[in-house]
PDB file of N, CA and C in Angstrom:
ATOM      1  N   MET A   1       0.933  -1.198  -0.156  1.00  0.00           N
ATOM      2  CA  MET A   1      -0.109  -0.023   0.086  1.00  0.00           C
ATOM      3  C   MET A   1       0.931   1.347  -0.028  1.00  0.00           C
ATOM      4  N   LYS A   2       0.707   2.211  -0.666  1.00  0.00           N
ATOM      5  CA  LYS A   2       1.109   3.609  -0.802  1.00  0.00           C
ATOM      6  C   LYS A   2       0.724   4.298   0.434  1.00  0.00           C
ATOM      7  N   LYS A   3       1.598   5.339   0.685  1.00  0.00           N
ATOM      8  CA  LYS A   3       1.210   6.033   1.760  1.00  0.00           C
ATOM      9  C   LYS A   3      -0.153   7.058   1.712  1.00  0.00           C
ATOM     10  N   TYR A   4      -0.463   7.361   0.515  1.00  0.00           N
ATOM     11  CA  TYR A   4      -1.746   8.079   0.375  1.00  0.00           C
ATOM     12  C   TYR A   4      -2.814   7.078   0.205  1.00  0.00           C
ATOM     13  N   GLU A   5      -2.600   5.923   0.450  1.00  0.00           N
ATOM     14  CA  GLU A   5      -3.754   4.968   0.699  1.00  0.00           C
ATOM     15  C   GLU A   5      -4.291   4.493   2.003  1.00  0.00           C
ATOM     16  N   ILE A   6      -3.435   5.002   2.911  1.00  0.00           N
ATOM     17  CA  ILE A   6      -3.613   4.769   4.409  1.00  0.00           C
ATOM     18  C   ILE A   6      -4.285   5.729   5.274  1.00  0.00           C
ATOM     19  N   VAL A   7      -5.191   5.331   5.933  1.00  0.00           N
ATOM     20  CA  VAL A   7      -6.026   6.119   7.038  1.00  0.00           C
ATOM     21  C   VAL A   7      -5.065   6.257   8.094  1.00  0.00           C
ATOM     22  N   LYS A   8      -4.537   7.540   8.247  1.00  0.00           N
ATOM     23  CA  LYS A   8      -3.340   7.973   8.939  1.00  0.00           C
ATOM     24  C   LYS A   8      -3.746   8.701  10.337  1.00  0.00           C
ATOM     25  N   SER A   9      -5.021   9.527  10.194  1.00  0.00           N
ATOM     26  CA  SER A   9      -5.386   9.966  11.351  1.00  0.00           C
ATOM     27  C   SER A   9      -6.231   9.289  12.393  1.00  0.00           C
ATOM     28  N   LYS A  10      -5.740   9.276  13.578  1.00  0.00           N
ATOM     29  CA  LYS A  10      -6.332   8.498  14.648  1.00  0.00           C
ATOM     30  C   LYS A  10      -7.903   8.924  14.917  1.00  0.00           C
ATOM     31  N   MET A  11      -8.055  10.180  14.614  1.00  0.00           N
ATOM     32  CA  MET A  11      -9.451  10.559  14.622  1.00  0.00           C
ATOM     33  C   MET A  11     -10.489  10.047  13.505  1.00  0.00           C
ATOM     34  N   ASP A  12      -9.837  10.164  12.278  1.00  0.00           N
ATOM     35  CA  ASP A  12     -10.563   9.403  11.134  1.00  0.00           C
ATOM     36  C   ASP A  12     -10.578   7.920  11.545  1.00  0.00           C
ATOM     37  N   PHE A  13      -9.506   7.242  11.872  1.00  0.00           N
ATOM     38  CA  PHE A  13      -9.701   5.711  12.288  1.00  0.00           C
ATOM     39  C   PHE A  13     -10.833   5.391  13.228  1.00  0.00           C
ATOM     40  N   ASN A  14     -10.817   6.331  14.175  1.00  0.00           N
ATOM     41  CA  ASN A  14     -12.030   5.981  15.184  1.00  0.00           C
ATOM     42  C   ASN A  14     -13.373   6.364  14.878  1.00  0.00           C
ATOM     43  N   ASN A  15     -13.530   7.528  13.979  1.00  0.00           N
ATOM     44  CA  ASN A  15     -14.602   7.802  13.567  1.00  0.00           C
ATOM     45  C   ASN A  15     -15.240   6.521  12.703  1.00  0.00           C
ATOM     46  N   ILE A  16     -14.573   6.013  11.638  1.00  0.00           N
ATOM     47  CA  ILE A  16     -14.890   4.958  10.868  1.00  0.00           C
ATOM     48  C   ILE A  16     -15.365   4.070  11.571  1.00  0.00           C
ATOM     49  N   ILE A  17     -14.642   3.384  12.714  1.00  0.00           N
ATOM     50  CA  ILE A  17     -15.042   2.413  13.406  1.00  0.00           C
ATOM     51  C   ILE A  17     -16.457   2.630  14.459  1.00  0.00           C
ATOM     52  N   LYS A  18     -16.447   3.645  14.862  1.00  0.00           N
ATOM     53  CA  LYS A  18     -17.581   3.909  15.732  1.00  0.00           C
ATOM     54  C   LYS A  18     -19.025   4.273  14.690  1.00  0.00           C
ATOM     55  N   ASN A  19     -18.713   4.929  13.886  1.00  0.00           N
ATOM     56  CA  ASN A  19     -20.052   5.378  12.947  1.00  0.00           C
ATOM     57  C   ASN A  19     -20.099   4.717  11.584  1.00  0.00           C
ATOM     58  N   SER A  20     -19.508   3.485  11.316  1.00  0.00           N
ATOM     59  CA  SER A  20     -19.933   3.212   9.841  1.00  0.00           C
ATOM     60  C   SER A  20     -20.157   1.844  10.122  1.00  0.00           C
ATOM     61  N   PRO A  21     -20.939   1.197   8.952  1.00  0.00           N
ATOM     62  CA  PRO A  21     -21.468  -0.267   9.113  1.00  0.00           C
ATOM     63  C   PRO A  21     -20.367  -1.142   8.820  1.00  0.00           C
ATOM     64  N   PHE A  22     -20.436  -2.202   9.094  1.00  0.00           N
ATOM     65  CA  PHE A  22     -19.508  -3.353   9.092  1.00  0.00           C
ATOM     66  C   PHE A  22     -19.929  -4.653   8.505  1.00  0.00           C
ATOM     67  N   ILE A  23     -19.079  -5.404   8.123  1.00  0.00           N
ATOM     68  CA  ILE A  23     -19.417  -6.977   7.856  1.00  0.00           C
ATOM     69  C   ILE A  23     -18.248  -7.761   8.453  1.00  0.00           C
ATOM     70  N   LYS A  24     -18.480  -9.057   8.927  1.00  0.00           N
ATOM     71  CA  LYS A  24     -17.468  -9.764   9.703  1.00  0.00           C
ATOM     72  C   LYS A  24     -17.616 -11.255   9.304  1.00  0.00           C
ATOM     73  N   ASN A  25     -16.591 -11.915   9.404  1.00  0.00           N
ATOM     74  CA  ASN A  25     -16.462 -13.367   9.556  1.00  0.00           C
ATOM     75  C   ASN A  25     -15.971 -14.056  10.557  1.00  0.00           C
ATOM     76  N   LYS A  26     -15.318 -15.112  10.493  1.00  0.00           N
ATOM     77  CA  LYS A  26     -14.577 -15.844  11.729  1.00  0.00           C
ATOM     78  C   LYS A  26     -13.286 -14.976  12.004  1.00  0.00           C
ATOM     79  N   ASN A  27     -12.430 -14.622  10.739  1.00  0.00           N
ATOM     80  CA  ASN A  27     -11.354 -13.966  10.924  1.00  0.00           C
ATOM     81  C   ASN A  27     -11.230 -12.614  10.623  1.00  0.00           C
ATOM     82  N   PHE A  28     -11.968 -11.950  10.442  1.00  0.00           N
ATOM     83  CA  PHE A  28     -11.919 -10.381   9.887  1.00  0.00           C
ATOM     84  C   PHE A  28     -13.246  -9.476  10.194  1.00  0.00           C
ATOM     85  N   VAL A  29     -13.081  -8.558  10.564  1.00  0.00           N
ATOM     86  CA  VAL A  29     -13.997  -7.520  10.635  1.00  0.00           C
ATOM     87  C   VAL A  29     -13.609  -6.116   9.727  1.00  0.00           C
ATOM     88  N   ILE A  30     -14.628  -5.980   8.628  1.00  0.00           N
ATOM     89  CA  ILE A  30     -14.356  -4.690   7.915  1.00  0.00           C
ATOM     90  C   ILE A  30     -15.405  -3.779   8.043  1.00  0.00           C
ATOM     91  N   TYR A  31     -14.934  -2.180   8.460  1.00  0.00           N
ATOM     92  CA  TYR A  31     -15.661  -1.307   8.513  1.00  0.00           C
ATOM     93  C   TYR A  31     -15.688  -0.546   7.262  1.00  0.00           C
ATOM     94  N   ILE A  32     -16.787   0.002   6.692  1.00  0.00           N
ATOM     95  CA  ILE A  32     -16.735   0.656   5.419  1.00  0.00           C
ATOM     96  C   ILE A  32     -17.341   2.064   5.743  1.00  0.00           C
ATOM     97  N   ARG A  33     -16.699   3.175   4.882  1.00  0.00           N
ATOM     98  CA  ARG A  33     -17.273   4.521   5.148  1.00  0.00           C
ATOM     99  C   ARG A  33     -17.233   4.766   3.596  1.00  0.00           C
ATOM    100  N   LYS A  34     -18.480   5.453   3.238  1.00  0.00           N
ATOM    101  CA  LYS A  34     -18.487   6.092   1.891  1.00  0.00           C
ATOM    102  C   LYS A  34     -18.107   7.451   1.962  1.00  0.00           C
ATOM    103  N   LYS A  35     -17.362   7.792   0.928  1.00  0.00           N
ATOM    104  CA  LYS A  35     -16.909   9.216   0.929  1.00  0.00           C
ATOM    105  C   LYS A  35     -16.735   9.772  -0.394  1.00  0.00           C
ATOM    106  N   GLU A  36     -16.455  10.935  -0.778  1.00  0.00           N
ATOM    107  CA  GLU A  36     -16.551  11.649  -2.052  1.00  0.00           C
ATOM    108  C   GLU A  36     -15.225  11.628  -2.863  1.00  0.00           C
ATOM    109  N   GLU A  37     -14.172  11.331  -2.233  1.00  0.00           N
ATOM    110  CA  GLU A  37     -13.014  11.248  -2.920  1.00  0.00           C
ATOM    111  C   GLU A  37     -13.014   9.972  -3.755  1.00  0.00           C
ATOM    112  N   SER A  38     -12.135   9.691  -4.803  1.00  0.00           N
ATOM    113  CA  SER A  38     -12.162   8.429  -5.763  1.00  0.00           C
ATOM    114  C   SER A  38     -10.974   7.653  -5.305  1.00  0.00           C
ATOM    115  N   ASN A  39     -10.129   7.683  -4.417  1.00  0.00           N
ATOM    116  CA  ASN A  39      -9.132   6.873  -3.863  1.00  0.00           C
ATOM    117  C   ASN A  39      -9.687   6.099  -2.804  1.00  0.00           C
ATOM    118  N   PRO A  40      -9.768   4.694  -2.580  1.00  0.00           N
ATOM    119  CA  PRO A  40      -9.995   4.170  -1.353  1.00  0.00           C
ATOM    120  C   PRO A  40      -8.863   4.263  -0.365  1.00  0.00           C
ATOM    121  N   LYS A  41      -8.939   4.225   0.850  1.00  0.00           N
ATOM    122  CA  LYS A  41      -8.115   4.227   1.988  1.00  0.00           C
ATOM    123  C   LYS A  41      -8.287   3.055   2.756  1.00  0.00           C
ATOM    124  N   PHE A  42      -7.044   2.556   3.305  1.00  0.00           N
ATOM    125  CA  PHE A  42      -7.349   1.094   4.162  1.00  0.00           C
ATOM    126  C   PHE A  42      -6.470   1.581   5.580  1.00  0.00           C
ATOM    127  N   GLY A  43      -7.244   0.771   6.646  1.00  0.00           N
ATOM    128  CA  GLY A  43      -6.479   0.788   7.697  1.00  0.00           C
ATOM    129  C   GLY A  43      -6.598  -0.502   8.307  1.00  0.00           C
ATOM    130  N   ILE A  44      -5.562  -0.753   9.068  1.00  0.00           N
ATOM    131  CA  ILE A  44      -5.184  -2.147   9.581  1.00  0.00           C
ATOM    132  C   ILE A  44      -5.268  -2.319  10.877  1.00  0.00           C
ATOM    133  N   ALA A  45      -6.228  -2.944  11.762  1.00  0.00           N
ATOM    134  CA  ALA A  45      -6.006  -2.848  13.262  1.00  0.00           C
ATOM    135  C   ALA A  45      -5.985  -4.131  13.873  1.00  0.00           C
ATOM    136  N   ILE A  46      -5.320  -4.575  14.794  1.00  0.00           N
ATOM    137  CA  ILE A  46      -5.005  -5.839  15.335  1.00  0.00           C
ATOM    138  C   ILE A  46      -4.749  -5.812  16.895  1.00  0.00           C
ATOM    139  N   SER A  47      -5.456  -6.674  17.829  1.00  0.00           N
ATOM    140  CA  SER A  47      -5.302  -6.616  19.077  1.00  0.00           C
ATOM    141  C   SER A  47      -3.790  -7.260  19.636  1.00  0.00           C
ATOM    142  N   LYS A  48      -3.527  -6.641  20.499  1.00  0.00           N
ATOM    143  CA  LYS A  48      -2.335  -7.274  21.295  1.00  0.00           C
ATOM    144  C   LYS A  48      -2.544  -8.822  21.878  1.00  0.00           C
ATOM    145  N   SER A  49      -3.665  -8.977  22.022  1.00  0.00           N
ATOM    146  CA  SER A  49      -4.036 -10.274  22.513  1.00  0.00           C
ATOM    147  C   SER A  49      -3.733 -11.417  21.472  1.00  0.00           C
ATOM    148  N   VAL A  50      -3.709 -11.002  20.119  1.00  0.00           N
ATOM    149  CA  VAL A  50      -3.440 -11.832  19.088  1.00  0.00           C
ATOM    150  C   VAL A  50      -2.058 -12.828  19.209  1.00  0.00           C
ATOM    151  N   GLY A  51      -1.064 -11.994  19.625  1.00  0.00           N
ATOM    152  CA  GLY A  51       0.163 -12.554  19.699  1.00  0.00           C
ATOM    153  C   GLY A  51       1.165 -11.406  19.997  1.00  0.00           C
ATOM    154  N   ASN A  52       2.582 -11.814  20.030  1.00  0.00           N
ATOM    155  CA  ASN A  52       3.588 -10.816  20.246  1.00  0.00           C
ATOM    156  C   ASN A  52       3.851  -9.919  18.902  1.00  0.00           C
ATOM    157  N   ALA A  53       4.519  -9.078  19.019  1.00  0.00           N
ATOM    158  CA  ALA A  53       4.838  -8.161  17.898  1.00  0.00           C
ATOM    159  C   ALA A  53       5.250  -8.865  16.642  1.00  0.00           C
ATOM    160  N   VAL A  54       6.035  -9.813  16.663  1.00  0.00           N
ATOM    161  CA  VAL A  54       6.487 -10.394  15.424  1.00  0.00           C
ATOM    162  C   VAL A  54       5.154 -11.082  14.734  1.00  0.00           C
ATOM    163  N   GLU A  55       4.395 -11.708  15.491  1.00  0.00           N
ATOM    164  CA  GLU A  55       3.285 -12.137  15.238  1.00  0.00           C
ATOM    165  C   GLU A  55       2.204 -11.355  14.239  1.00  0.00           C
ATOM    166  N   ARG A  56       2.142 -10.102  14.956  1.00  0.00           N
ATOM    167  CA  ARG A  56       0.888  -9.190  14.586  1.00  0.00           C
ATOM    168  C   ARG A  56       1.557  -8.584  13.415  1.00  0.00           C
ATOM    169  N   ASN A  57       3.055  -8.239  13.271  1.00  0.00           N
ATOM    170  CA  ASN A  57       3.244  -7.789  11.950  1.00  0.00           C
ATOM    171  C   ASN A  57       3.404  -8.617  10.973  1.00  0.00           C
ATOM    172  N   LYS A  58       3.723  -9.889  11.059  1.00  0.00           N
ATOM    173  CA  LYS A  58       3.384 -10.840   9.981  1.00  0.00           C
ATOM    174  C   LYS A  58       1.978 -10.997   9.351  1.00  0.00           C
ATOM    175  N   LEU A  59       1.122 -10.767  10.485  1.00  0.00           N
ATOM    176  CA  LEU A  59      -0.031 -10.859   9.782  1.00  0.00           C
ATOM    177  C   LEU A  59      -0.559  -9.658   9.056  1.00  0.00           C
ATOM    178  N   LYS A  60       0.099  -8.576   9.575  1.00  0.00           N
ATOM    179  CA  LYS A  60      -0.405  -7.249   8.899  1.00  0.00           C
ATOM    180  C   LYS A  60       0.332  -7.040   7.459  1.00  0.00           C
ATOM    181  N   ARG A  61       1.704  -7.612   7.532  1.00  0.00           N
ATOM    182  CA  ARG A  61       2.443  -7.842   6.220  1.00  0.00           C
ATOM    183  C   ARG A  61       1.795  -8.623   5.242  1.00  0.00           C
ATOM    184  N   ARG A  62       1.077  -9.855   5.519  1.00  0.00           N
ATOM    185  CA  ARG A  62       0.253 -10.543   4.588  1.00  0.00           C
ATOM    186  C   ARG A  62      -0.916  -9.995   4.208  1.00  0.00           C
ATOM    187  N   LEU A  63      -1.599  -9.151   5.154  1.00  0.00           N
ATOM    188  CA  LEU A  63      -2.768  -8.363   4.789  1.00  0.00           C
ATOM    189  C   LEU A  63      -2.422  -7.418   3.921  1.00  0.00           C
ATOM    190  N   ARG A  64      -1.525  -6.607   3.714  1.00  0.00           N
ATOM    191  CA  ARG A  64      -1.199  -5.439   3.121  1.00  0.00           C
ATOM    192  C   ARG A  64      -1.034  -5.917   1.743  1.00  0.00           C
ATOM    193  N   SER A  65       0.057  -7.220   1.777  1.00  0.00           N
ATOM    194  CA  SER A  65       0.065  -7.947   0.315  1.00  0.00           C
ATOM    195  C   SER A  65      -1.410  -8.283  -0.301  1.00  0.00           C
ATOM    196  N   ILE A  66      -2.267  -8.960   0.419  1.00  0.00           N
ATOM    197  CA  ILE A  66      -3.406  -9.176  -0.232  1.00  0.00           C
ATOM    198  C   ILE A  66      -4.146  -8.042  -0.745  1.00  0.00           C
ATOM    199  N   ILE A  67      -4.092  -6.978  -0.182  1.00  0.00           N
ATOM    200  CA  ILE A  67      -4.855  -5.734  -0.566  1.00  0.00           C
ATOM    201  C   ILE A  67      -4.349  -5.405  -1.629  1.00  0.00           C
ATOM    202  N   ASP A  68      -2.800  -5.313  -1.694  1.00  0.00           N
ATOM    203  CA  ASP A  68      -1.953  -4.716  -2.915  1.00  0.00           C
ATOM    204  C   ASP A  68      -2.354  -5.427  -4.143  1.00  0.00           C
ATOM    205  N   ASN A  69      -2.687  -6.950  -3.927  1.00  0.00           N
ATOM    206  CA  ASN A  69      -3.003  -7.900  -5.161  1.00  0.00           C
ATOM    207  C   ASN A  69      -4.297  -7.799  -5.572  1.00  0.00           C
ATOM    208  N   SER A  70      -5.188  -7.182  -4.611  1.00  0.00           N
ATOM    209  CA  SER A  70      -6.730  -7.114  -4.892  1.00  0.00           C
ATOM    210  C   SER A  70      -7.308  -5.889  -4.893  1.00  0.00           C
ATOM    211  N   LYS A  71      -6.834  -4.975  -5.314  1.00  0.00           N
ATOM    212  CA  LYS A  71      -7.206  -3.638  -5.203  1.00  0.00           C
ATOM    213  C   LYS A  71      -8.458  -3.289  -5.939  1.00  0.00           C
ATOM    214  N   ASN A  72      -8.455  -4.013  -7.067  1.00  0.00           N
ATOM    215  CA  ASN A  72      -9.735  -3.808  -7.976  1.00  0.00           C
ATOM    216  C   ASN A  72     -10.878  -4.296  -7.453  1.00  0.00           C
ATOM    217  N   ASP A  73     -10.878  -5.243  -6.353  1.00  0.00           N
ATOM    218  CA  ASP A  73     -12.031  -5.732  -5.863  1.00  0.00           C
ATOM    219  C   ASP A  73     -12.653  -4.746  -4.907  1.00  0.00           C
ATOM    220  N   PHE A  74     -12.087  -3.710  -4.246  1.00  0.00           N
ATOM    221  CA  PHE A  74     -12.388  -2.649  -3.458  1.00  0.00           C
ATOM    222  C   PHE A  74     -13.200  -1.677  -4.197  1.00  0.00           C
ATOM    223  N   LYS A  75     -14.278  -1.003  -3.539  1.00  0.00           N
ATOM    224  CA  LYS A  75     -14.870  -0.096  -4.426  1.00  0.00           C
ATOM    225  C   LYS A  75     -14.003   1.298  -4.350  1.00  0.00           C
ATOM    226  N   LYS A  76     -14.247   2.131  -5.096  1.00  0.00           N
ATOM    227  CA  LYS A  76     -13.090   3.418  -5.076  1.00  0.00           C
ATOM    228  C   LYS A  76     -13.556   4.493  -3.948  1.00  0.00           C
ATOM    229  N   GLU A  77     -14.992   4.807  -3.867  1.00  0.00           N
ATOM    230  CA  GLU A  77     -15.470   5.899  -3.193  1.00  0.00           C
ATOM    231  C   GLU A  77     -15.449   5.412  -1.498  1.00  0.00           C
ATOM    232  N   ARG A  78     -14.543   4.665  -0.956  1.00  0.00           N
ATOM    233  CA  ARG A  78     -14.942   4.149   0.474  1.00  0.00           C
ATOM    234  C   ARG A  78     -13.459   4.047   1.044  1.00  0.00           C
ATOM    235  N   ASP A  79     -13.612   4.222   2.448  1.00  0.00           N
ATOM    236  CA  ASP A  79     -12.636   3.984   3.232  1.00  0.00           C
ATOM    237  C   ASP A  79     -12.630   2.605   3.918  1.00  0.00           C
ATOM    238  N   TYR A  80     -11.670   1.829   4.236  1.00  0.00           N
ATOM    239  CA  TYR A  80     -11.968   0.593   4.779  1.00  0.00           C
ATOM    240  C   TYR A  80     -10.850   0.330   6.072  1.00  0.00           C
ATOM    241  N   ILE A  81     -11.564   0.026   7.034  1.00  0.00           N
ATOM    242  CA  ILE A  81     -10.937  -0.564   8.250  1.00  0.00           C
ATOM    243  C   ILE A  81     -11.074  -2.067   8.431  1.00  0.00           C
ATOM    244  N   ILE A  82      -9.604  -2.857   8.545  1.00  0.00           N
ATOM    245  CA  ILE A  82      -9.740  -4.172   8.509  1.00  0.00           C
ATOM    246  C   ILE A  82      -9.326  -4.721   9.564  1.00  0.00           C
ATOM    247  N   MET A  83      -9.976  -5.355  10.586  1.00  0.00           N
ATOM    248  CA  MET A  83      -9.540  -5.700  11.791  1.00  0.00           C
ATOM    249  C   MET A  83      -9.347  -7.096  11.893  1.00  0.00           C
ATOM    250  N   ILE A  84      -8.074  -7.658  12.129  1.00  0.00           N
ATOM    251  CA  ILE A  84      -7.786  -8.958  12.073  1.00  0.00           C
ATOM    252  C   ILE A  84      -7.954  -9.654  13.432  1.00  0.00           C
ATOM    253  N   LYS A  85      -8.828 -10.677  13.499  1.00  0.00           N
ATOM    254  CA  LYS A  85      -9.056 -11.377  14.780  1.00  0.00           C
ATOM    255  C   LYS A  85      -8.055 -12.427  14.845  1.00  0.00           C
ATOM    256  N   ARG A  86      -8.063 -12.975  16.229  1.00  0.00           N
ATOM    257  CA  ARG A  86      -7.301 -13.935  16.880  1.00  0.00           C
ATOM    258  C   ARG A  86      -7.076 -15.152  15.832  1.00  0.00           C
ATOM    259  N   SER A  87      -8.241 -15.805  15.394  1.00  0.00           N
ATOM    260  CA  SER A  87      -8.446 -16.918  14.828  1.00  0.00           C
ATOM    261  C   SER A  87      -7.587 -16.848  13.407  1.00  0.00           C
ATOM    262  N   CYS A  88      -7.412 -15.668  13.021  1.00  0.00           N
ATOM    263  CA  CYS A  88      -6.594 -15.540  11.630  1.00  0.00           C
ATOM    264  C   CYS A  88      -4.917 -15.929  11.703  1.00  0.00           C
ATOM    265  N   LYS A  89      -4.639 -16.136  12.974  1.00  0.00           N
ATOM    266  CA  LYS A  89      -3.316 -16.470  13.256  1.00  0.00           C
ATOM    267  C   LYS A  89      -2.926 -17.916  12.823  1.00  0.00           C
ATOM    268  N   GLU A  90      -3.915 -18.646  12.639  1.00  0.00           N
ATOM    269  CA  GLU A  90      -3.720 -20.162  12.333  1.00  0.00           C
ATOM    270  C   GLU A  90      -3.695 -20.401  10.689  1.00  0.00           C
ATOM    271  N   LEU A  91      -4.182 -19.203  10.042  1.00  0.00           N
ATOM    272  CA  LEU A  91      -4.111 -19.356   8.712  1.00  0.00           C
ATOM    273  C   LEU A  91      -2.779 -19.048   7.879  1.00  0.00           C
ATOM    274  N   ASN A  92      -2.658 -19.750   6.773  1.00  0.00           N
ATOM    275  CA  ASN A  92      -1.694 -19.358   6.026  1.00  0.00           C
ATOM    276  C   ASN A  92      -2.248 -18.342   4.892  1.00  0.00           C
ATOM    277  N   TYR A  93      -1.044 -17.736   4.012  1.00  0.00           N
ATOM    278  CA  TYR A  93      -1.758 -16.603   2.986  1.00  0.00           C
ATOM    279  C   TYR A  93      -2.825 -17.042   2.220  1.00  0.00           C
ATOM    280  N   GLN A  94      -2.669 -18.121   1.680  1.00  0.00           N
ATOM    281  CA  GLN A  94      -3.705 -18.484   0.632  1.00  0.00           C
ATOM    282  C   GLN A  94      -5.255 -18.605   1.467  1.00  0.00           C
ATOM    283  N   GLU A  95      -5.402 -19.202   2.597  1.00  0.00           N
ATOM    284  CA  GLU A  95      -6.534 -19.149   3.230  1.00  0.00           C
ATOM    285  C   GLU A  95      -6.884 -17.689   3.806  1.00  0.00           C
ATOM    286  N   MET A  96      -5.965 -16.849   3.976  1.00  0.00           N
ATOM    287  CA  MET A  96      -6.190 -15.438   4.430  1.00  0.00           C
ATOM    288  C   MET A  96      -6.957 -14.769   3.156  1.00  0.00           C
ATOM    289  N   LYS A  97      -6.436 -15.104   2.074  1.00  0.00           N
ATOM    290  CA  LYS A  97      -6.772 -14.379   0.826  1.00  0.00           C
ATOM    291  C   LYS A  97      -8.441 -14.912   0.590  1.00  0.00           C
ATOM    292  N   ILE A  98      -8.553 -16.081   0.613  1.00  0.00           N
ATOM    293  CA  ILE A  98      -9.867 -16.686   0.422  1.00  0.00           C
ATOM    294  C   ILE A  98     -10.917 -16.107   1.442  1.00  0.00           C
ATOM    295  N   GLU A  99     -10.599 -15.876   2.576  1.00  0.00           N
ATOM    296  CA  GLU A  99     -11.220 -15.339   3.479  1.00  0.00           C
ATOM    297  C   GLU A  99     -11.675 -14.057   3.359  1.00  0.00           C
ATOM    298  N   LEU A 100     -10.646 -13.222   2.905  1.00  0.00           N
ATOM    299  CA  LEU A 100     -10.926 -11.870   2.835  1.00  0.00           C
ATOM    300  C   LEU A 100     -11.708 -11.476   1.413  1.00  0.00           C
ATOM    301  N   ASP A 101     -11.492 -12.266   0.483  1.00  0.00           N
ATOM    302  CA  ASP A 101     -12.184 -12.238  -0.729  1.00  0.00           C
ATOM    303  C   ASP A 101     -13.773 -12.701  -0.522  1.00  0.00           C
ATOM    304  N   SER A 102     -13.955 -13.564   0.194  1.00  0.00           N
ATOM    305  CA  SER A 102     -15.647 -13.851   0.685  1.00  0.00           C
ATOM    306  C   SER A 102     -16.061 -12.721   1.202  1.00  0.00           C
ATOM    307  N   LEU A 103     -15.386 -11.841   2.287  1.00  0.00           N
ATOM    308  CA  LEU A 103     -16.041 -10.771   2.644  1.00  0.00           C
ATOM    309  C   LEU A 103     -16.237  -9.788   1.456  1.00  0.00           C
ATOM    310  N   LEU A 104     -15.386  -9.608   0.859  1.00  0.00           N
ATOM    311  CA  LEU A 104     -15.426  -8.670  -0.362  1.00  0.00           C
ATOM    312  C   LEU A 104     -16.530  -8.786  -1.232  1.00  0.00           C
ATOM    313  N   LYS A 105     -16.729 -10.166  -1.419  1.00  0.00           N
ATOM    314  CA  LYS A 105     -17.929 -10.483  -2.285  1.00  0.00           C
ATOM    315  C   LYS A 105     -19.285 -10.005  -1.620  1.00  0.00           C
ATOM    316  N   GLU A 106     -19.317  -9.877  -0.361  1.00  0.00           N
ATOM    317  CA  GLU A 106     -20.520  -9.596   0.445  1.00  0.00           C
ATOM    318  C   GLU A 106     -20.746  -8.200   0.227  1.00  0.00           C
ATOM    319  N   ILE A 107     -19.800  -7.367   0.194  1.00  0.00           N
ATOM    320  CA  ILE A 107     -19.856  -6.079   0.178  1.00  0.00           C
ATOM    321  C   ILE A 107     -20.559  -5.438  -1.316  1.00  0.00           C
ATOM    322  N   ILE A 108     -20.384  -6.067  -2.232  1.00  0.00           N
ATOM    323  CA  ILE A 108     -20.729  -5.763  -3.477  1.00  0.00           C
ATOM    324  C   ILE A 108     -22.037  -6.121  -3.289  1.00  0.00           C
TER     325      ILE A 108
END
């Protein structure tokens, strides 16, 4: 993900989580906020209860890679906050991609 594609402000991040609709499955929760700009922005959240810093960073790197490879599946005029759940720790890259793709199909 490029820097301009990331939700940076803590206020924006919290605003999206508190005031936006979401969809979820066993491994992810995706909060979606509609906006007027044409570029989608992404935020990734993961709890400290998932594991130590090494494990959390590994999951975030995998998710960023999945997002980069499937940017066309995301709608343009929206912001997304993707929360990673603890059960995602047991998945490999391909399984994570399948789970995220199934959630994205529900958005459409």
